[in-house]
Protein backbone atom coordinates (compact mmCIF):
# COMPACT_ATOMS: atom_id res chain seq x y z
CA MET A 1 114.42 100.54 87.50
CA VAL A 2 111.50 99.07 88.81
CA LEU A 3 107.93 99.86 89.41
CA ILE A 4 106.02 98.81 92.39
CA GLY A 5 102.76 99.35 93.98
CA PRO A 6 99.23 98.07 94.27
CA MET A 7 96.84 96.57 91.58
CA ALA A 8 95.57 99.26 89.08
CA VAL A 9 98.01 101.87 90.07
CA GLY A 10 99.20 102.07 86.54
CA LYS A 11 102.65 100.44 86.88
CA SER A 12 102.28 99.21 83.34
CA ALA A 13 100.83 102.39 81.74
CA ILE A 14 103.33 104.90 83.05
CA GLY A 15 106.12 102.05 82.85
CA GLN A 16 105.73 101.98 79.04
CA GLN A 17 105.21 105.72 78.82
CA LEU A 18 108.46 106.06 80.52
CA ALA A 19 110.42 103.52 78.44
CA GLN A 20 109.42 105.51 75.44
CA HIS A 21 110.83 108.73 76.81
CA LEU A 22 113.91 107.03 77.73
CA GLY A 23 114.10 105.22 74.61
CA SER A 24 114.60 101.80 77.07
CA ALA A 25 113.03 98.58 76.76
CA PHE A 26 109.87 97.50 79.05
CA VAL A 27 109.15 94.51 80.72
CA ASP A 28 106.11 93.75 82.77
CA THR A 29 106.51 90.56 84.66
CA ASP A 30 102.58 90.12 84.54
CA VAL A 31 102.66 90.02 80.78
CA VAL A 32 106.09 87.61 80.85
CA VAL A 33 103.92 84.99 83.31
CA VAL A 34 101.34 85.19 81.00
CA ALA A 35 103.30 84.58 77.95
CA ASN A 36 105.15 81.56 79.56
CA HIS A 37 102.23 80.14 81.25
CA GLY A 38 98.90 81.46 80.42
CA ALA A 39 96.40 83.91 82.14
CA ILE A 40 96.91 84.44 85.60
CA ALA A 41 93.38 84.05 86.51
CA GLU A 42 93.60 80.35 85.26
CA ILE A 43 96.90 79.77 87.02
CA PHE A 44 95.19 81.10 90.21
CA ALA A 45 92.33 78.82 89.62
CA SER A 46 93.99 75.51 88.30
CA ARG A 47 97.40 75.46 90.55
CA GLY A 48 96.59 78.23 92.62
CA GLU A 49 98.54 81.63 94.32
CA HIS A 50 101.49 79.93 95.77
CA VAL A 51 102.50 78.34 92.27
CA PHE A 52 101.77 81.57 90.77
CA ARG A 53 103.73 83.32 93.05
CA GLU A 54 106.77 81.03 92.07
CA MET A 55 106.42 81.69 88.44
CA GLU A 56 106.19 85.52 89.26
CA ALA A 57 109.44 85.44 91.44
CA ARG A 58 111.13 83.22 88.60
CA ALA A 59 109.86 86.23 85.97
CA VAL A 60 110.92 89.14 88.26
CA ALA A 61 114.33 87.46 88.71
CA GLN A 62 114.92 86.87 85.03
CA ALA A 63 113.70 90.51 84.11
CA ILE A 64 116.26 92.00 86.62
CA GLU A 65 119.11 89.86 85.38
CA ASP A 66 118.19 90.60 81.55
CA ALA A 67 118.14 94.32 82.32
CA GLN A 68 121.56 94.95 84.41
CA GLY A 69 123.53 97.70 83.17
CA SER A 70 120.70 98.90 81.00
CA ASN A 71 118.19 101.69 81.23
CA THR A 72 115.17 98.70 81.22
CA VAL A 73 112.13 99.60 83.03
CA ILE A 74 110.35 96.97 84.93
CA SER A 75 106.73 96.70 86.17
CA LEU A 76 106.16 94.43 88.87
CA GLY A 77 102.75 92.60 90.01
CA GLY A 78 101.05 94.05 93.05
CA GLY A 79 102.04 91.19 95.29
CA ALA A 80 105.58 90.58 93.56
CA VAL A 81 107.06 92.76 96.58
CA LEU A 82 106.17 90.14 98.94
CA ASP A 83 108.81 87.53 97.96
CA SER A 84 111.96 87.64 100.12
CA GLY A 85 114.34 86.61 97.09
CA THR A 86 112.45 89.43 94.92
CA GLN A 87 113.18 91.93 97.55
CA GLN A 88 116.92 91.10 97.70
CA LEU A 89 116.94 91.54 94.07
CA LEU A 90 115.41 94.69 94.60
CA ALA A 91 118.09 96.07 96.71
CA ARG A 92 120.09 96.32 93.41
CA CYS A 93 117.77 98.57 91.41
CA THR A 94 116.35 101.72 91.76
CA VAL A 95 112.84 101.15 92.77
CA VAL A 96 110.02 103.54 92.28
CA TYR A 97 106.64 103.08 94.45
CA LEU A 98 103.51 104.54 92.69
CA GLU A 99 101.45 105.57 95.53
CA CYS A 100 98.08 106.01 95.20
CA ASP A 101 94.47 105.47 97.46
CA ALA A 102 91.36 103.48 97.14
CA ALA A 103 89.69 106.37 95.38
CA THR A 104 92.31 106.75 92.53
CA VAL A 105 92.16 103.29 91.63
CA ALA A 106 88.43 102.35 92.35
CA GLU A 107 86.96 103.06 88.53
CA ARG A 108 89.96 100.62 87.26
CA VAL A 109 89.40 98.06 89.69
CA ALA A 110 85.40 98.18 88.99
CA LYS A 111 86.48 97.69 85.16
CA ASN A 112 88.70 94.84 85.42
CA SER A 113 87.18 91.85 86.72
CA GLY A 114 90.08 89.57 85.77
CA ARG A 115 91.83 89.84 88.80
CA PRO A 116 91.91 86.62 91.01
CA LEU A 117 92.84 88.21 94.14
CA LEU A 118 89.87 90.61 93.75
CA ALA A 119 86.90 88.56 93.30
CA GLY A 120 83.93 89.32 95.53
CA ASP A 121 84.16 92.87 96.96
CA ALA A 122 86.86 93.69 94.82
CA MET A 123 87.35 97.15 96.47
CA GLY A 124 87.22 95.60 100.16
CA ARG A 125 90.11 92.97 98.85
CA TRP A 126 92.19 96.11 97.12
CA ARG A 127 92.25 97.91 100.72
CA THR A 128 93.14 94.80 102.52
CA LEU A 129 96.20 93.91 100.51
CA PHE A 130 96.84 97.41 100.03
CA ALA A 131 96.95 97.80 103.98
CA THR A 132 98.89 94.65 103.94
CA ARG A 133 101.70 95.64 101.38
CA GLN A 134 102.07 99.34 101.59
CA PRO A 135 104.81 99.02 104.59
CA VAL A 136 106.46 96.75 102.11
CA TYR A 137 106.06 98.89 99.31
CA GLU A 138 107.45 101.97 101.24
CA ARG A 139 110.30 100.25 102.74
CA LEU A 140 111.65 98.99 99.45
CA ALA A 141 111.19 102.47 97.42
CA ASP A 142 113.96 104.80 96.51
CA LEU A 143 111.61 106.98 95.15
CA VAL A 144 107.69 107.73 95.61
CA LEU A 145 105.91 108.97 92.91
CA ASP A 146 102.22 110.11 93.97
CA VAL A 147 99.91 109.31 91.10
CA ARG A 148 96.88 110.76 92.57
CA ARG A 149 96.70 113.38 89.97
CA GLY A 150 98.12 113.75 86.41
CA THR A 151 98.08 112.30 83.17
CA VAL A 152 99.98 109.05 82.17
CA PRO A 153 102.42 111.36 80.32
CA GLU A 154 102.62 113.77 82.84
CA LEU A 155 103.26 111.18 85.72
CA ALA A 156 105.61 109.86 83.23
CA HIS A 157 107.29 113.35 82.55
CA ARG A 158 107.61 113.72 86.31
CA LEU A 159 108.93 110.17 87.19
CA GLU A 160 111.69 110.82 84.28
CA ASP A 161 112.65 114.06 85.94
CA ALA A 162 112.61 112.80 89.57
CA LEU A 163 114.92 109.60 88.24
CA VAL A 164 117.04 112.21 86.70
CA GLU A 165 117.44 114.10 90.05
CA TYR A 166 118.06 110.94 92.01
CA ALA A 167 120.88 109.80 89.84
CA ALA A 168 122.62 112.90 90.15
CA ALA A 169 122.46 112.75 93.79
CA LYS A 170 123.16 109.19 94.13
CA THR A 171 126.38 110.22 91.57
CA ALA A 172 127.55 113.18 93.98
CA ALA A 173 127.25 110.40 96.79
CA VAL A 174 124.82 112.77 98.78
CA PRO A 175 123.01 111.05 101.02
CA MET A 176 118.78 112.11 100.08
CA PRO A 177 117.18 112.87 103.37
CA ALA A 178 114.08 110.65 103.62
CA ALA A 179 112.17 113.82 103.41
CA THR A 180 113.30 114.63 100.10
CA LYS A 181 112.33 111.25 98.84
CA GLU A 182 108.80 112.03 97.21
CA VAL A 183 108.35 113.22 93.94
CA GLU A 184 105.80 116.14 93.79
């Protein structure tokens, strides 16, 4: 199961909580990149975004490969979904888009100055990136979890329930109409 969505939406926190509930492993691909290559901000500064995206795509591919046949919860960086190879790999996974708006993430974005793509006008940059990436998130998602309200534990429980329902519907081979895709 893979969590996608914009920066600061809570993919790591919700993913960790969900993995605990499921008794599963949790992989944050940003953490993998940092462990293998150093701080993301330093990679951007010294080698550029293109090199970072290549490292990120390799980390995502490895995480998905390692997770095959397990209940591993994988959290992707906000821009990871832009890679066409990553998009193809996600077609084999259950993908959950954590949906929000700028107001939901504003406080988190303001607190975290270590995001290289948000240098300068952080919220202006966030809105621009989100506008570009939102259609990709929506297209790739099997499930959508609205994270505008609720604590991390509450959101993880809602997601766990939605995943159980999704798996049951998929097992029954009953196509889910798009209108019922959203998690309340």
